[in-house]
């Protein structure tokens, strides 16, 4: 899939035109048909990603996978100690009231 778009710099109002190809690939489905995927075309540390993904994200003027964009799920950023404390506190309260 060919992508062609322009980005306008907010400070200088200068347009920057970007054009590149994002490959599409397919995998066969279990019963019939195909699933379609994007292949990330960004480079990270000099190596092209080529990761097969369902969603591309936009950042710094380009579309790429969440790995190349350094995006994480919010659940990965939660403090696991807080979750453990909440669970233990709930168990302690249940024990206090005799559940």
Protein backbone atom coordinates (compact mmCIF):
# COMPACT_ATOMS: atom_id res chain seq x y z
CA UNK A 1 0.00 0.00 0.00
CA UNK A 2 1.47 3.34 -1.04
CA UNK A 3 1.20 6.18 1.47
CA UNK A 4 1.42 9.79 0.31
CA UNK A 5 0.72 12.66 2.68
CA UNK A 6 1.92 16.08 3.78
CA UNK A 7 2.82 17.24 7.26
CA UNK A 8 2.72 20.93 8.16
CA UNK A 9 5.23 22.19 10.73
CA UNK A 10 3.33 24.21 13.35
CA UNK A 11 6.20 26.66 13.87
CA UNK A 12 7.25 27.45 10.30
CA UNK A 13 4.04 26.42 8.46
CA UNK A 14 6.32 24.55 6.06
CA UNK A 15 4.90 21.49 4.31
CA UNK A 16 6.88 18.27 4.24
CA UNK A 17 5.74 15.67 1.71
CA UNK A 18 6.19 12.02 2.63
CA UNK A 19 5.81 9.06 0.32
CA UNK A 20 6.62 5.41 1.04
CA UNK A 21 5.21 1.91 0.73
CA UNK A 22 3.80 -0.23 3.54
CA UNK A 23 3.65 -3.85 2.37
CA UNK A 24 0.46 -5.86 2.89
CA UNK A 25 0.55 -9.59 3.47
CA UNK A 26 -2.05 -12.30 3.98
CA UNK A 27 -2.37 -15.45 6.05
CA UNK A 28 -4.94 -18.15 5.38
CA UNK A 29 -7.84 -18.38 7.82
CA UNK A 30 -8.77 -21.71 9.38
CA UNK A 31 -12.11 -22.21 7.61
CA UNK A 32 -11.71 -20.10 4.47
CA UNK A 33 -10.47 -16.78 3.21
CA UNK A 34 -7.51 -14.70 4.34
CA UNK A 35 -6.51 -12.27 7.05
CA UNK A 36 -4.74 -9.11 5.89
CA UNK A 37 -1.78 -7.63 7.74
CA UNK A 38 0.52 -4.63 7.45
CA UNK A 39 4.27 -5.20 7.48
CA UNK A 40 6.02 -2.46 9.42
CA UNK A 41 8.42 -0.73 7.03
CA UNK A 42 10.30 1.35 9.59
CA UNK A 43 13.95 0.91 10.45
CA UNK A 44 15.18 0.55 14.01
CA UNK A 45 18.92 0.51 14.69
CA UNK A 46 19.56 0.18 10.97
CA UNK A 47 17.42 -2.95 10.53
CA UNK A 48 14.02 -2.97 8.85
CA UNK A 49 11.31 -4.17 11.22
CA UNK A 50 9.05 -6.16 8.83
CA UNK A 51 6.84 -7.13 11.79
CA UNK A 52 3.36 -8.33 10.73
CA UNK A 53 0.74 -6.21 12.53
CA UNK A 54 -2.96 -5.41 12.33
CA UNK A 55 -2.57 -1.76 13.42
CA UNK A 56 -0.12 0.95 12.44
CA UNK A 57 0.44 4.00 14.67
CA UNK A 58 1.41 7.50 13.60
CA UNK A 59 4.33 9.26 15.28
CA UNK A 60 7.13 11.58 14.18
CA UNK A 61 5.66 11.80 10.69
CA UNK A 62 5.55 8.06 9.92
CA UNK A 63 3.30 5.04 10.41
CA UNK A 64 4.74 2.00 12.15
CA UNK A 65 4.12 -0.78 14.64
CA UNK A 66 3.93 -0.13 18.38
CA UNK A 67 7.35 -1.75 18.87
CA UNK A 68 9.07 0.71 16.53
CA UNK A 69 7.12 3.60 18.06
CA UNK A 70 8.12 2.47 21.59
CA UNK A 71 4.47 2.26 22.64
CA UNK A 72 3.36 0.00 25.48
CA UNK A 73 0.05 -1.11 26.86
CA UNK A 74 -1.08 0.88 29.91
CA UNK A 75 -1.26 -2.31 31.96
CA UNK A 76 2.51 -2.76 31.54
CA UNK A 77 3.07 0.60 33.19
CA UNK A 78 1.03 -0.17 36.29
CA UNK A 79 2.82 -0.86 39.51
CA UNK A 80 2.36 -4.57 40.22
CA UNK A 81 3.02 -4.04 43.95
CA UNK A 82 -0.10 -1.85 44.17
CA UNK A 83 -2.22 -4.60 42.61
CA UNK A 84 -0.85 -7.18 45.05
CA UNK A 85 -1.51 -4.83 47.97
CA UNK A 86 -5.13 -4.30 46.84
CA UNK A 87 -5.68 -8.06 46.57
CA UNK A 88 -4.16 -8.79 49.99
CA UNK A 89 -6.14 -5.95 51.56
CA UNK A 90 -9.38 -7.33 50.09
CA UNK A 91 -8.59 -10.83 51.41
CA UNK A 92 -7.78 -9.39 54.85
CA UNK A 93 -11.12 -7.53 54.96
CA UNK A 94 -13.04 -10.64 53.90
CA UNK A 95 -11.33 -12.56 56.70
CA UNK A 96 -12.26 -9.83 59.22
CA UNK A 97 -15.97 -9.96 58.38
CA UNK A 98 -16.00 -13.75 58.11
CA UNK A 99 -16.65 -14.29 54.43
